[in-house]
Protein backbone atom coordinates (compact mmCIF):
# COMPACT_ATOMS: atom_id res chain seq x y z
CA MET A 1 53.31 -75.85 -4.66
CA THR A 2 55.39 -72.74 -5.22
CA GLU A 3 57.62 -71.40 -2.49
CA LEU A 4 56.03 -68.66 -0.44
CA PRO A 5 57.90 -65.45 0.39
CA GLY A 6 59.97 -65.96 3.52
CA GLU A 7 59.69 -69.74 3.41
CA GLU A 8 63.45 -70.10 3.85
CA PHE A 9 63.13 -68.49 7.29
CA ILE A 10 60.26 -70.79 8.20
CA SER A 11 62.09 -73.98 7.15
CA LYS A 12 65.26 -73.06 9.03
CA GLY A 13 63.28 -71.90 12.07
CA LEU A 14 61.38 -75.19 12.27
CA ALA A 15 64.64 -77.16 12.12
CA ASP A 16 66.22 -74.90 14.75
CA LEU A 17 63.24 -75.23 17.10
CA GLU A 18 63.27 -79.00 16.71
CA SER A 19 66.95 -79.15 17.62
CA GLY A 20 66.51 -76.75 20.55
CA GLN A 21 68.54 -73.91 19.08
CA GLU A 22 67.65 -70.29 19.75
CA THR A 23 68.34 -68.56 16.44
CA ILE A 24 66.98 -65.57 14.60
CA GLU A 25 64.73 -67.90 12.59
CA SER A 26 63.47 -69.91 15.58
CA LEU A 27 62.64 -66.72 17.48
CA LEU A 28 60.82 -65.39 14.44
CA LEU A 29 58.67 -68.54 14.47
CA GLU A 30 57.95 -68.12 18.16
CA ILE A 31 56.76 -64.58 17.46
CA GLY A 32 54.50 -65.81 14.68
CA ALA A 33 53.37 -68.97 16.50
CA PRO A 34 49.77 -67.90 17.30
CA ARG A 35 48.93 -67.10 13.69
CA LEU A 36 51.05 -69.89 12.21
CA ASN A 37 49.41 -72.43 14.51
CA ARG A 38 45.98 -71.30 13.28
CA LEU A 39 47.29 -71.94 9.76
CA GLY A 40 48.23 -75.55 10.52
CA PHE A 41 51.65 -75.43 12.17
CA ALA A 42 52.36 -76.93 15.58
CA ILE A 43 54.89 -74.46 16.98
CA GLN A 44 55.48 -74.59 20.71
CA SER A 45 57.74 -72.28 22.63
CA LYS A 46 60.23 -73.85 24.98
CA ALA A 47 59.07 -73.96 28.59
CA GLY A 48 60.22 -70.91 30.49
CA THR A 49 61.05 -68.84 27.44
CA ASP A 50 59.10 -65.61 27.27
CA HIS A 51 59.22 -62.51 25.13
CA PRO A 52 60.59 -63.81 21.83
CA GLU A 53 60.38 -60.26 20.45
CA SER A 54 62.86 -58.97 23.05
CA ARG A 55 65.12 -61.99 22.66
CA LEU A 56 65.16 -61.56 18.88
CA TYR A 57 66.01 -57.88 19.19
CA TRP A 58 68.81 -58.65 21.65
CA LEU A 59 70.23 -61.31 19.30
CA LEU A 60 70.06 -58.91 16.35
CA THR A 61 71.85 -56.25 18.40
CA ARG A 62 74.69 -58.70 19.07
CA PHE A 63 75.13 -59.47 15.37
CA HIS A 64 74.09 -56.22 13.68
CA GLY A 65 74.71 -53.47 16.23
CA ASP A 66 73.06 -50.20 15.21
CA ASP A 67 71.29 -51.91 12.30
CA ALA A 68 69.31 -54.18 14.66
CA HIS A 69 66.15 -52.08 14.55
CA ALA A 70 65.96 -52.05 10.75
CA ARG A 71 66.79 -55.76 10.59
CA TYR A 72 64.10 -56.56 13.20
CA ASN A 73 61.45 -54.65 11.25
CA SER A 74 62.51 -56.35 8.02
CA LEU A 75 62.22 -59.81 9.58
CA ILE A 76 58.78 -59.06 11.01
CA ARG A 77 57.63 -57.87 7.57
CA ARG A 78 58.93 -61.12 6.04
CA LEU A 79 57.05 -63.14 8.65
CA VAL A 80 53.81 -61.27 8.03
CA SER A 81 54.29 -61.62 4.27
CA TYR A 82 54.68 -65.39 4.66
CA GLU A 83 51.61 -65.63 6.90
CA ARG A 84 49.48 -63.64 4.45
CA ALA A 85 50.68 -65.67 1.47
CA LEU A 86 49.95 -68.90 3.32
CA GLU A 87 46.46 -67.70 4.23
CA LEU A 88 45.79 -66.77 0.62
CA SER A 89 47.09 -70.09 -0.68
CA GLN A 90 44.86 -71.97 1.78
CA THR A 91 41.77 -70.01 0.76
CA GLY A 92 42.48 -70.25 -2.95
CA LEU A 93 42.90 -66.48 -3.33
CA GLU A 94 46.60 -66.49 -4.25
CA GLY A 95 45.86 -64.65 -7.50
CA ALA A 96 44.02 -61.84 -5.75
CA THR A 97 45.76 -58.48 -5.75
CA SER A 98 44.21 -57.34 -2.49
CA VAL A 99 41.96 -58.79 0.14
CA ARG A 100 41.48 -55.47 1.92
CA PRO A 101 38.22 -53.64 1.40
CA PRO A 102 38.33 -50.29 -0.38
CA ARG A 103 39.05 -47.32 1.90
CA GLU A 104 35.48 -46.07 1.70
CA ALA A 105 33.99 -49.39 2.77
CA ALA A 106 36.60 -49.94 5.46
CA LEU A 107 35.93 -46.56 7.07
CA GLY A 108 32.18 -46.76 6.63
CA GLY A 109 31.77 -43.39 5.03
CA ASN A 110 31.12 -41.72 1.72
CA PHE A 111 34.12 -39.83 0.49
CA GLY A 112 34.59 -37.34 -2.27
CA ALA A 113 37.16 -37.56 -5.05
CA ASP A 114 39.83 -36.11 -2.77
CA GLY A 115 39.26 -38.79 -0.07
CA THR A 116 37.68 -36.40 2.45
């Protein structure tokens, strides 16, 4: 199996969660836990730990200062990219270029050439 985008974050986050460490990667996994668990993971947040999004942002602020917001958004995009790639690999659609319906079908309307 080929490595999925963002898999390095997932591997480190799993190890960090197992050892009880609160790291950028472990918090990222806690954020993604609902979807990742539906995809076959068994990620459990530590008892009494809420709001992994806020904790991740705080941690990023400590290490990256003013760049925390951009770093946070980048990490969330990596997480979502991994989740999507995993879903596609599990459904056998990894070669598909898009699983989203065309704009016209998604919006339920008939559009002209200019999209209106």
